[in-house]
C-alpha atoms as a PDB file:
ATOM      1  CA  MET A   1      37.041 -21.329  11.840  1.00  0.00           C
ATOM      2  CA  ASN A   2      37.134 -22.244  15.224  1.00  0.00           C
ATOM      3  CA  ILE A   3      38.826 -24.821  16.908  1.00  0.00           C
ATOM      4  CA  VAL A   4      37.813 -25.994  20.194  1.00  0.00           C
ATOM      5  CA  SER A   5      39.894 -27.274  22.241  1.00  0.00           C
ATOM      6  CA  ASN A   6      39.555 -28.903  25.535  1.00  0.00           C
ATOM      7  CA  GLU A   7      42.674 -27.961  27.227  1.00  0.00           C
ATOM      8  CA  PRO A   8      42.848 -24.771  29.386  1.00  0.00           C
ATOM      9  CA  LYS A   9      44.264 -21.948  27.728  1.00  0.00           C
ATOM     10  CA  VAL A  10      47.928 -21.326  28.970  1.00  0.00           C
ATOM     11  CA  SER A  11      49.611 -17.770  28.772  1.00  0.00           C
ATOM     12  CA  ALA A  12      53.473 -17.782  26.703  1.00  0.00           C
ATOM     13  CA  PHE A  13      54.313 -16.134  30.024  1.00  0.00           C
ATOM     14  CA  SER A  14      52.877 -18.098  32.848  1.00  0.00           C
ATOM     15  CA  LEU A  15      54.375 -20.733  34.936  1.00  0.00           C
ATOM     16  CA  SER A  16      52.847 -23.320  33.572  1.00  0.00           C
ATOM     17  CA  SER A  17      53.880 -22.370  30.059  1.00  0.00           C
ATOM     18  CA  ILE A  18      57.601 -22.586  30.843  1.00  0.00           C
ATOM     19  CA  ARG A  19      57.202 -26.321  32.787  1.00  0.00           C
ATOM     20  CA  LYS A  20      54.747 -27.429  29.475  1.00  0.00           C
ATOM     21  CA  LYS A  21      58.215 -26.085  27.474  1.00  0.00           C
ATOM     22  CA  LYS A  22      60.635 -27.803  30.006  1.00  0.00           C
ATOM     23  CA  GLU A  23      58.807 -31.270  29.614  1.00  0.00           C
ATOM     24  CA  LEU A  24      58.552 -31.123  25.962  1.00  0.00           C
ATOM     25  CA  GLU A  25      62.486 -30.634  25.964  1.00  0.00           C
ATOM     26  CA  ALA A  26      62.844 -33.380  28.285  1.00  0.00           C
ATOM     27  CA  SER A  27      60.570 -36.088  26.675  1.00  0.00           C
ATOM     28  CA  SER A  28      62.181 -34.883  22.900  1.00  0.00           C
ATOM     29  CA  LYS A  29      65.800 -36.027  25.233  1.00  0.00           C
ATOM     30  CA  SER A  30      64.981 -39.506  26.736  1.00  0.00           C
ATOM     31  CA  TYR A  31      65.005 -40.893  23.060  1.00  0.00           C
ATOM     32  CA  VAL A  32      66.742 -44.377  23.735  1.00  0.00           C
ATOM     33  CA  LYS A  33      68.554 -46.524  21.121  1.00  0.00           C
ATOM     34  CA  PRO A  34      66.676 -49.885  20.651  1.00  0.00           C
ATOM     35  CA  SER A  35      68.336 -52.682  22.513  1.00  0.00           C
ATOM     36  CA  THR A  36      68.448 -54.883  19.379  1.00  0.00           C
ATOM     37  CA  THR A  37      71.597 -52.365  17.424  1.00  0.00           C
ATOM     38  CA  LEU A  38      73.653 -52.177  20.199  1.00  0.00           C
ATOM     39  CA  PRO A  39      76.575 -55.110  19.658  1.00  0.00           C
ATOM     40  CA  THR A  40      76.383 -57.966  21.781  1.00  0.00           C
ATOM     41  CA  GLU A  41      79.615 -60.093  20.976  1.00  0.00           C
ATOM     42  CA  GLU A  42      81.177 -62.216  22.821  1.00  0.00           C
ATOM     43  CA  PHE A  43      84.429 -62.028  24.806  1.00  0.00           C
ATOM     44  CA  ASN A  44      86.216 -63.992  27.448  1.00  0.00           C
ATOM     45  CA  GLU A  45      88.201 -63.458  30.598  1.00  0.00           C
ATOM     46  CA  THR A  46      91.223 -62.436  28.833  1.00  0.00           C
ATOM     47  CA  ASP A  47      89.917 -59.645  26.965  1.00  0.00           C
ATOM     48  CA  MET A  48      87.562 -58.286  29.936  1.00  0.00           C
ATOM     49  CA  LEU A  49      90.926 -58.689  31.767  1.00  0.00           C
ATOM     50  CA  LEU A  50      92.826 -56.993  29.634  1.00  0.00           C
ATOM     51  CA  GLN A  51      90.366 -54.250  28.738  1.00  0.00           C
ATOM     52  CA  TRP A  52      90.108 -53.605  32.472  1.00  0.00           C
ATOM     53  CA  ASN A  53      93.436 -53.294  33.078  1.00  0.00           C
ATOM     54  CA  LYS A  54      93.589 -50.888  30.687  1.00  0.00           C
ATOM     55  CA  TYR A  55      91.499 -48.632  31.767  1.00  0.00           C
ATOM     56  CA  ALA A  56      92.910 -48.826  35.008  1.00  0.00           C
ATOM     57  CA  GLN A  57      96.183 -47.766  33.662  1.00  0.00           C
ATOM     58  CA  ARG A  58      94.337 -44.724  31.927  1.00  0.00           C
ATOM     59  CA  LEU A  59      92.660 -43.363  35.301  1.00  0.00           C
ATOM     60  CA  GLY A  60      96.320 -43.641  37.376  1.00  0.00           C
ATOM     61  CA  GLU A  61      97.807 -41.854  34.021  1.00  0.00           C
ATOM     62  CA  LYS A  62      95.329 -39.190  34.766  1.00  0.00           C
ATOM     63  CA  GLY A  63      95.621 -38.647  38.481  1.00  0.00           C
ATOM     64  CA  PHE A  64      92.515 -40.986  39.560  1.00  0.00           C
ATOM     65  CA  LYS A  65      95.525 -43.303  41.804  1.00  0.00           C
ATOM     66  CA  ILE A  66      92.301 -44.558  44.113  1.00  0.00           C
ATOM     67  CA  MET A  67      90.299 -45.808  41.638  1.00  0.00           C
ATOM     68  CA  GLU A  68      93.350 -47.629  40.004  1.00  0.00           C
ATOM     69  CA  SER A  69      94.003 -49.052  43.109  1.00  0.00           C
ATOM     70  CA  LEU A  70      90.456 -50.193  43.733  1.00  0.00           C
ATOM     71  CA  LEU A  71      90.351 -51.822  40.036  1.00  0.00           C
ATOM     72  CA  LEU A  72      93.862 -53.521  40.384  1.00  0.00           C
ATOM     73  CA  ILE A  73      92.793 -54.799  44.255  1.00  0.00           C
ATOM     74  CA  ASN A  74      91.946 -57.943  42.798  1.00  0.00           C
ATOM     75  CA  ASP A  75      91.323 -59.875  39.701  1.00  0.00           C
ATOM     76  CA  PRO A  76      87.629 -59.198  38.732  1.00  0.00           C
ATOM     77  CA  LYS A  77      85.467 -62.880  37.616  1.00  0.00           C
ATOM     78  CA  LEU A  78      83.677 -63.249  34.794  1.00  0.00           C
ATOM     79  CA  ASP A  79      80.513 -65.310  34.255  1.00  0.00           C
ATOM     80  CA  GLY A  80      78.808 -64.839  30.820  1.00  0.00           C
ATOM     81  CA  THR A  81      78.345 -61.275  30.893  1.00  0.00           C
ATOM     82  CA  ARG A  82      78.818 -60.466  34.605  1.00  0.00           C
ATOM     83  CA  ILE A  83      81.457 -59.254  35.847  1.00  0.00           C
ATOM     84  CA  THR A  84      82.381 -59.531  39.498  1.00  0.00           C
ATOM     85  CA  LEU A  85      84.832 -57.745  41.681  1.00  0.00           C
ATOM     86  CA  GLU A  86      85.534 -58.397  45.124  1.00  0.00           C
ATOM     87  CA  LEU A  87      86.341 -55.475  47.324  1.00  0.00           C
ATOM     88  CA  PRO A  88      87.982 -55.055  51.084  1.00  0.00           C
ATOM     89  CA  ASN A  89      85.323 -52.815  52.790  1.00  0.00           C
ATOM     90  CA  GLU A  90      82.048 -50.895  52.010  1.00  0.00           C
ATOM     91  CA  GLY A  91      83.835 -47.453  51.429  1.00  0.00           C
ATOM     92  CA  SER A  92      85.656 -48.730  48.625  1.00  0.00           C
ATOM     93  CA  LYS A  93      82.415 -49.804  46.873  1.00  0.00           C
ATOM     94  CA  LEU A  94      81.016 -46.901  47.279  1.00  0.00           C
ATOM     95  CA  ASP A  95      84.087 -44.941  45.995  1.00  0.00           C
ATOM     96  CA  PHE A  96      83.970 -47.730  42.961  1.00  0.00           C
ATOM     97  CA  GLU A  97      80.199 -47.531  42.137  1.00  0.00           C
ATOM     98  CA  SER A  98      80.931 -43.857  41.996  1.00  0.00           C
ATOM     99  CA  GLN A  99      83.171 -43.986  38.568  1.00  0.00           C
ATOM    100  CA  LEU A 100      81.213 -47.821  37.548  1.00  0.00           C
ATOM    101  CA  ASN A 101      79.776 -45.863  34.574  1.00  0.00           C
ATOM    102  CA  GLY A 102      83.079 -44.419  33.097  1.00  0.00           C
ATOM    103  CA  LEU A 103      84.268 -48.117  33.409  1.00  0.00           C
ATOM    104  CA  LEU A 104      81.328 -50.089  32.275  1.00  0.00           C
ATOM    105  CA  GLY A 105      81.697 -47.308  29.376  1.00  0.00           C
ATOM    106  CA  HIS A 106      84.801 -48.398  28.027  1.00  0.00           C
ATOM    107  CA  LEU A 107      84.412 -52.456  28.440  1.00  0.00           C
ATOM    108  CA  LYS A 108      80.963 -52.246  26.547  1.00  0.00           C
ATOM    109  CA  GLY A 109      82.695 -50.139  23.989  1.00  0.00           C
ATOM    110  CA  HIS A 110      86.094 -52.176  23.620  1.00  0.00           C
ATOM    111  CA  LEU A 111      84.650 -55.629  24.380  1.00  0.00           C
ATOM    112  CA  HIS A 112      81.366 -54.938  22.016  1.00  0.00           C
ATOM    113  CA  ASN A 113      78.887 -55.961  24.243  1.00  0.00           C
ATOM    114  CA  HIS A 114      76.208 -53.556  25.923  1.00  0.00           C
ATOM    115  CA  ASP A 115      74.866 -56.930  28.450  1.00  0.00           C
ATOM    116  CA  ILE A 116      78.242 -56.291  30.641  1.00  0.00           C
ATOM    117  CA  THR A 117      76.864 -56.139  33.995  1.00  0.00           C
ATOM    118  CA  ILE A 118      79.411 -54.959  37.006  1.00  0.00           C
ATOM    119  CA  GLU A 119      78.655 -56.723  40.225  1.00  0.00           C
ATOM    120  CA  VAL A 120      80.448 -55.843  43.242  1.00  0.00           C
ATOM    121  CA  ILE A 121      81.007 -57.925  46.629  1.00  0.00           C
ATOM    122  CA  VAL A 122      82.238 -56.516  49.983  1.00  0.00           C
ATOM    123  CA  ASN A 123      84.438 -59.409  51.673  1.00  0.00           C
ATOM    124  CA  GLU A 124      85.617 -57.747  55.172  1.00  0.00           C
ATOM    125  CA  THR A 125      86.812 -61.235  56.302  1.00  0.00           C
ATOM    126  CA  ILE A 126      88.907 -60.262  59.615  1.00  0.00           C
ATOM    127  CA  GLU A 127      92.215 -61.956  59.409  1.00  0.00           C
ATOM    128  CA  THR A 128      92.979 -62.382  62.390  1.00  0.00           C
ATOM    129  CA  LYS A 129      96.465 -60.813  63.530  1.00  0.00           C
ATOM    130  CA  ARG A 130      98.898 -62.387  65.700  1.00  0.00           C
ATOM    131  CA  SER A 131     101.559 -60.715  67.699  1.00  0.00           C
ATOM    132  CA  PHE A 132     104.453 -62.167  66.974  1.00  0.00           C
ATOM    133  CA  ASN A 133     107.485 -62.737  70.041  1.00  0.00           C
ATOM    134  CA  ASP A 134     110.947 -62.295  69.293  1.00  0.00           C
ATOM    135  CA  GLN A 135     111.297 -65.835  68.540  1.00  0.00           C
ATOM    136  CA  ASP A 136     108.910 -66.206  65.942  1.00  0.00           C
ATOM    137  CA  ARG A 137     110.244 -62.504  64.119  1.00  0.00           C
ATOM    138  CA  TYR A 138     113.751 -64.679  64.294  1.00  0.00           C
ATOM    139  CA  ASN A 139     112.405 -67.788  63.195  1.00  0.00           C
ATOM    140  CA  ARG A 140     111.124 -65.214  59.919  1.00  0.00           C
ATOM    141  CA  LEU A 141     113.917 -63.688  58.919  1.00  0.00           C
ATOM    142  CA  LEU A 142     115.807 -67.067  59.198  1.00  0.00           C
ATOM    143  CA  GLU A 143     113.559 -68.531  56.662  1.00  0.00           C
ATOM    144  CA  ILE A 144     114.232 -65.636  54.387  1.00  0.00           C
ATOM    145  CA  ASN A 145     118.017 -65.405  55.052  1.00  0.00           C
ATOM    146  CA  PRO A 146     119.901 -67.940  56.638  1.00  0.00           C
ATOM    147  CA  ASN A 147     122.741 -65.883  57.618  1.00  0.00           C
ATOM    148  CA  ILE A 148     120.962 -64.368  59.824  1.00  0.00           C
ATOM    149  CA  GLU A 149     122.400 -67.051  62.193  1.00  0.00           C
ATOM    150  CA  LEU A 150     125.687 -66.385  61.479  1.00  0.00           C
ATOM    151  CA  LEU A 151     125.615 -62.946  62.138  1.00  0.00           C
ATOM    152  CA  ARG A 152     123.888 -63.797  65.884  1.00  0.00           C
ATOM    153  CA  SER A 153     126.293 -66.402  66.792  1.00  0.00           C
ATOM    154  CA  THR A 154     129.219 -63.868  65.634  1.00  0.00           C
ATOM    155  CA  PHE A 155     128.722 -61.122  67.830  1.00  0.00           C
ATOM    156  CA  GLY A 156     126.403 -63.156  70.431  1.00  0.00           C
ATOM    157  CA  LEU A 157     123.301 -61.909  70.198  1.00  0.00           C
ATOM    158  CA  ASP A 158     120.363 -62.872  71.923  1.00  0.00           C
ATOM    159  CA  LEU A 159     117.102 -62.732  71.278  1.00  0.00           C
ATOM    160  CA  ASN A 160     115.573 -61.821  74.923  1.00  0.00           C
ATOM    161  CA  ALA A 161     117.792 -58.799  75.023  1.00  0.00           C
END
């Protein structure tokens, strides 16, 4: 009995057979769990911050100090299941986003909610840097420690020296 197929015959040793085999393997690996089976429990900002800080601490213990400091630079804000983190520049955003999947996995697993998303906002507000003169510095030190005036008068110190 002959079975007629419309597909062209492919040799087992040809490049196209290797390509077809890889396509078949890739299609079998791309199974995604249905989203209905993933947990979506509610959580509050305190729970989220606790897990956020635990993850940052764990990264610090493993030697990832830059990522730890990026996580702790600001407290993230929670809006439903969206977490918003404000970072100071584009470079820190790129560093953070390179490690984002690990953080998301940790938060989704420990908070039992797979709807969590993280949004990074870059806030490059340029603070005006004031140039302080000697009098400004002295006044600031005097606010911190009033005994500075006693020291200045005892030794006859002058601010303009």
